[in-house]
Each structure stands twice: as C-alpha cells, then as structure tokens.
Amino acid sequence: MRERIPFLREAAVTAVPQLSDEQLERITAEFAALPNHFLLIGRISDSTVLIQGISVIAESPHEADALTWDKVHTHVCAALCEPWDWDTRVTAIDVRATDGALAY
C-alpha cells in the first residue's frame, strides 16, 4: 500500500437554471462545517460557484480528484435539499489541483 499524501484541490460547481444568493449561502454554510479554515467559496457566474482549498488525503492525484468530487457532490447536494431547490440541478463538478495562493 502506498503512503497517503495530503492534496489541495479546488472545484467549480455548475447548476441550472442558476444558483440564488440564498442557495450560495447554504452551500457556504455546509462547507463551513468542515474542519478547514482555508476554504474559500465564491461565485464565478449566475450558475457557477468556485470552492477553493479543499483538502484531501489520498494515495495519488487521481484518487485525490475522485475524493474531492465525492466530497463536493455530497455537500452541495446536502445544501440544496429544500423543496424549493428541486428545480436546481448540479450539471458539472470540475475538480483540479489548486494553482493559486493556497497551493503554497
């Protein structure tokens, strides 16, 4: 078994038709429960949110991407579980290595 390594990832989450400010606040609150003080969440467009500083421990970069995708999907779906969210669908989660200031 290979040694597990800490990785830092970011994810862009896109939903249709769009994410309201209230939905963005619930997504932010859902991620605030994680033990990560460096997590940044911001809107890119009406439909897309960028979540930066997601820390995962994995055996490889590929596994880190998969774990990040799963973590993001789980928390975003938990945040968008109200009856008035039923028309909102997550259409894409793009995970990549953090290349900004959080990477250093």
C-alpha atoms as a PDB file:
ATOM      1  CA  MET A   1       0.000   0.000   0.000  1.00  0.00           C
ATOM      2  CA  ARG A   2       1.289   3.434  -0.898  1.00  0.00           C
ATOM      3  CA  GLU A   3       1.686   6.259   1.543  1.00  0.00           C
ATOM      4  CA  ARG A   4      -1.258   8.647   1.753  1.00  0.00           C
ATOM      5  CA  ILE A   5      -0.385  12.233   0.833  1.00  0.00           C
ATOM      6  CA  PRO A   6      -2.249  15.485   1.565  1.00  0.00           C
ATOM      7  CA  PHE A   7      -3.568  17.256  -1.527  1.00  0.00           C
ATOM      8  CA  LEU A   8      -5.223  20.634  -2.015  1.00  0.00           C
ATOM      9  CA  ARG A   9      -7.954  20.850  -4.640  1.00  0.00           C
ATOM     10  CA  GLU A  10     -10.497  23.305  -5.987  1.00  0.00           C
ATOM     11  CA  ALA A  11     -13.822  22.628  -7.662  1.00  0.00           C
ATOM     12  CA  ALA A  12     -16.119  24.619  -9.910  1.00  0.00           C
ATOM     13  CA  VAL A  13     -19.736  23.577  -9.397  1.00  0.00           C
ATOM     14  CA  THR A  14     -22.287  24.478 -12.071  1.00  0.00           C
ATOM     15  CA  ALA A  15     -26.035  24.221 -11.581  1.00  0.00           C
ATOM     16  CA  VAL A  16     -29.026  25.034 -13.773  1.00  0.00           C
ATOM     17  CA  PRO A  17     -31.008  27.153 -14.109  1.00  0.00           C
ATOM     18  CA  GLN A  18     -28.883  29.242 -11.690  1.00  0.00           C
ATOM     19  CA  LEU A  19     -27.843  29.482  -8.044  1.00  0.00           C
ATOM     20  CA  SER A  20     -29.553  32.124  -5.967  1.00  0.00           C
ATOM     21  CA  ASP A  21     -27.680  34.093  -3.309  1.00  0.00           C
ATOM     22  CA  GLU A  22     -29.605  32.158  -0.656  1.00  0.00           C
ATOM     23  CA  GLN A  23     -28.506  28.829  -2.174  1.00  0.00           C
ATOM     24  CA  LEU A  24     -24.903  30.056  -2.266  1.00  0.00           C
ATOM     25  CA  GLU A  25     -25.173  30.962   1.429  1.00  0.00           C
ATOM     26  CA  ARG A  26     -26.433  27.446   2.240  1.00  0.00           C
ATOM     27  CA  ILE A  27     -23.573  25.873   0.241  1.00  0.00           C
ATOM     28  CA  THR A  28     -21.100  28.090   2.114  1.00  0.00           C
ATOM     29  CA  ALA A  29     -22.651  27.104   5.462  1.00  0.00           C
ATOM     30  CA  GLU A  30     -22.497  23.415   4.540  1.00  0.00           C
ATOM     31  CA  PHE A  31     -18.769  23.648   3.780  1.00  0.00           C
ATOM     32  CA  ALA A  32     -18.144  25.807   6.862  1.00  0.00           C
ATOM     33  CA  ALA A  33     -18.851  22.709   8.946  1.00  0.00           C
ATOM     34  CA  LEU A  34     -15.678  21.085   7.551  1.00  0.00           C
ATOM     35  CA  PRO A  35     -12.503  21.431   9.629  1.00  0.00           C
ATOM     36  CA  ASN A  36     -10.702  23.568   7.052  1.00  0.00           C
ATOM     37  CA  HIS A  37     -10.001  27.215   7.845  1.00  0.00           C
ATOM     38  CA  PHE A  38      -8.593  27.972   4.389  1.00  0.00           C
ATOM     39  CA  LEU A  39     -11.703  27.083   2.375  1.00  0.00           C
ATOM     40  CA  LEU A  40     -12.834  29.888   0.046  1.00  0.00           C
ATOM     41  CA  ILE A  41     -16.168  29.904  -1.753  1.00  0.00           C
ATOM     42  CA  GLY A  42     -17.147  32.471  -4.354  1.00  0.00           C
ATOM     43  CA  ARG A  43     -19.463  32.958  -7.279  1.00  0.00           C
ATOM     44  CA  ILE A  44     -17.985  32.801 -10.792  1.00  0.00           C
ATOM     45  CA  SER A  45     -21.281  33.324 -12.655  1.00  0.00           C
ATOM     46  CA  ASP A  46     -25.021  33.092 -12.028  1.00  0.00           C
ATOM     47  CA  SER A  47     -24.735  29.313 -12.306  1.00  0.00           C
ATOM     48  CA  THR A  48     -21.200  28.528 -11.123  1.00  0.00           C
ATOM     49  CA  VAL A  49     -19.504  28.546  -7.738  1.00  0.00           C
ATOM     50  CA  LEU A  50     -15.768  28.075  -7.130  1.00  0.00           C
ATOM     51  CA  ILE A  51     -14.740  26.221  -3.983  1.00  0.00           C
ATOM     52  CA  GLN A  52     -11.010  26.548  -3.240  1.00  0.00           C
ATOM     53  CA  GLY A  53      -8.793  24.989  -0.610  1.00  0.00           C
ATOM     54  CA  ILE A  54     -10.424  21.575  -0.360  1.00  0.00           C
ATOM     55  CA  SER A  55      -8.000  19.341   1.484  1.00  0.00           C
ATOM     56  CA  VAL A  56      -7.978  15.584   0.952  1.00  0.00           C
ATOM     57  CA  ILE A  57      -5.581  12.796   1.843  1.00  0.00           C
ATOM     58  CA  ALA A  58      -5.100  10.216  -0.896  1.00  0.00           C
ATOM     59  CA  GLU A  59      -2.604   7.780  -2.392  1.00  0.00           C
ATOM     60  CA  SER A  60      -2.454   9.521  -5.776  1.00  0.00           C
ATOM     61  CA  PRO A  61      -3.535  12.726  -7.529  1.00  0.00           C
ATOM     62  CA  HIS A  62      -6.235  10.764  -9.386  1.00  0.00           C
ATOM     63  CA  GLU A  63      -7.648   9.436  -6.106  1.00  0.00           C
ATOM     64  CA  ALA A  64      -7.496  12.972  -4.649  1.00  0.00           C
ATOM     65  CA  ASP A  65      -9.603  14.239  -7.551  1.00  0.00           C
ATOM     66  CA  ALA A  66     -12.146  11.447  -7.063  1.00  0.00           C
ATOM     67  CA  LEU A  67     -12.371  12.017  -3.303  1.00  0.00           C
ATOM     68  CA  THR A  68     -12.759  15.758  -3.853  1.00  0.00           C
ATOM     69  CA  TRP A  69     -15.522  15.227  -6.409  1.00  0.00           C
ATOM     70  CA  ASP A  70     -17.363  12.952  -3.982  1.00  0.00           C
ATOM     71  CA  LYS A  71     -16.947  15.388  -1.078  1.00  0.00           C
ATOM     72  CA  VAL A  72     -18.151  18.360  -3.137  1.00  0.00           C
ATOM     73  CA  HIS A  73     -21.100  16.436  -4.589  1.00  0.00           C
ATOM     74  CA  THR A  74     -22.177  15.234  -1.143  1.00  0.00           C
ATOM     75  CA  HIS A  75     -22.024  18.673   0.487  1.00  0.00           C
ATOM     76  CA  VAL A  76     -23.596  20.605  -2.399  1.00  0.00           C
ATOM     77  CA  CYS A  77     -26.480  18.126  -2.625  1.00  0.00           C
ATOM     78  CA  ALA A  78     -26.948  18.341   1.153  1.00  0.00           C
ATOM     79  CA  ALA A  79     -27.104  22.138   0.911  1.00  0.00           C
ATOM     80  CA  LEU A  80     -29.616  22.048  -1.948  1.00  0.00           C
ATOM     81  CA  CYS A  81     -32.104  19.649  -0.375  1.00  0.00           C
ATOM     82  CA  GLU A  82     -35.008  22.018   0.339  1.00  0.00           C
ATOM     83  CA  PRO A  83     -38.290  21.540  -1.579  1.00  0.00           C
ATOM     84  CA  TRP A  84     -37.776  24.841  -3.415  1.00  0.00           C
ATOM     85  CA  ASP A  85     -34.421  23.534  -4.710  1.00  0.00           C
ATOM     86  CA  TRP A  86     -35.977  20.687  -6.688  1.00  0.00           C
ATOM     87  CA  ASP A  87     -35.700  22.624  -9.951  1.00  0.00           C
ATOM     88  CA  THR A  88     -31.982  23.254  -9.390  1.00  0.00           C
ATOM     89  CA  ARG A  89     -29.733  20.554 -10.851  1.00  0.00           C
ATOM     90  CA  VAL A  90     -25.979  20.231 -10.460  1.00  0.00           C
ATOM     91  CA  THR A  91     -24.772  19.729 -14.021  1.00  0.00           C
ATOM     92  CA  ALA A  92     -20.977  19.753 -13.589  1.00  0.00           C
ATOM     93  CA  ILE A  93     -18.287  19.494 -10.951  1.00  0.00           C
ATOM     94  CA  ASP A  94     -14.834  20.302 -12.330  1.00  0.00           C
ATOM     95  CA  VAL A  95     -12.056  19.319  -9.904  1.00  0.00           C
ATOM     96  CA  ARG A  96      -8.427  20.353 -10.341  1.00  0.00           C
ATOM     97  CA  ALA A  97      -5.282  20.936  -8.343  1.00  0.00           C
ATOM     98  CA  THR A  98      -5.187  24.337  -6.680  1.00  0.00           C
ATOM     99  CA  ASP A  99      -2.766  26.600  -8.515  1.00  0.00           C
ATOM    100  CA  GLY A 100      -3.404  29.858  -6.662  1.00  0.00           C
ATOM    101  CA  ALA A 101      -2.066  31.274  -3.426  1.00  0.00           C
ATOM    102  CA  LEU A 102      -3.471  28.340  -1.430  1.00  0.00           C
ATOM    103  CA  ALA A 103      -1.121  25.962  -3.236  1.00  0.00           C
ATOM    104  CA  TYR A 104       1.926  27.373  -1.476  1.00  0.00           C
END
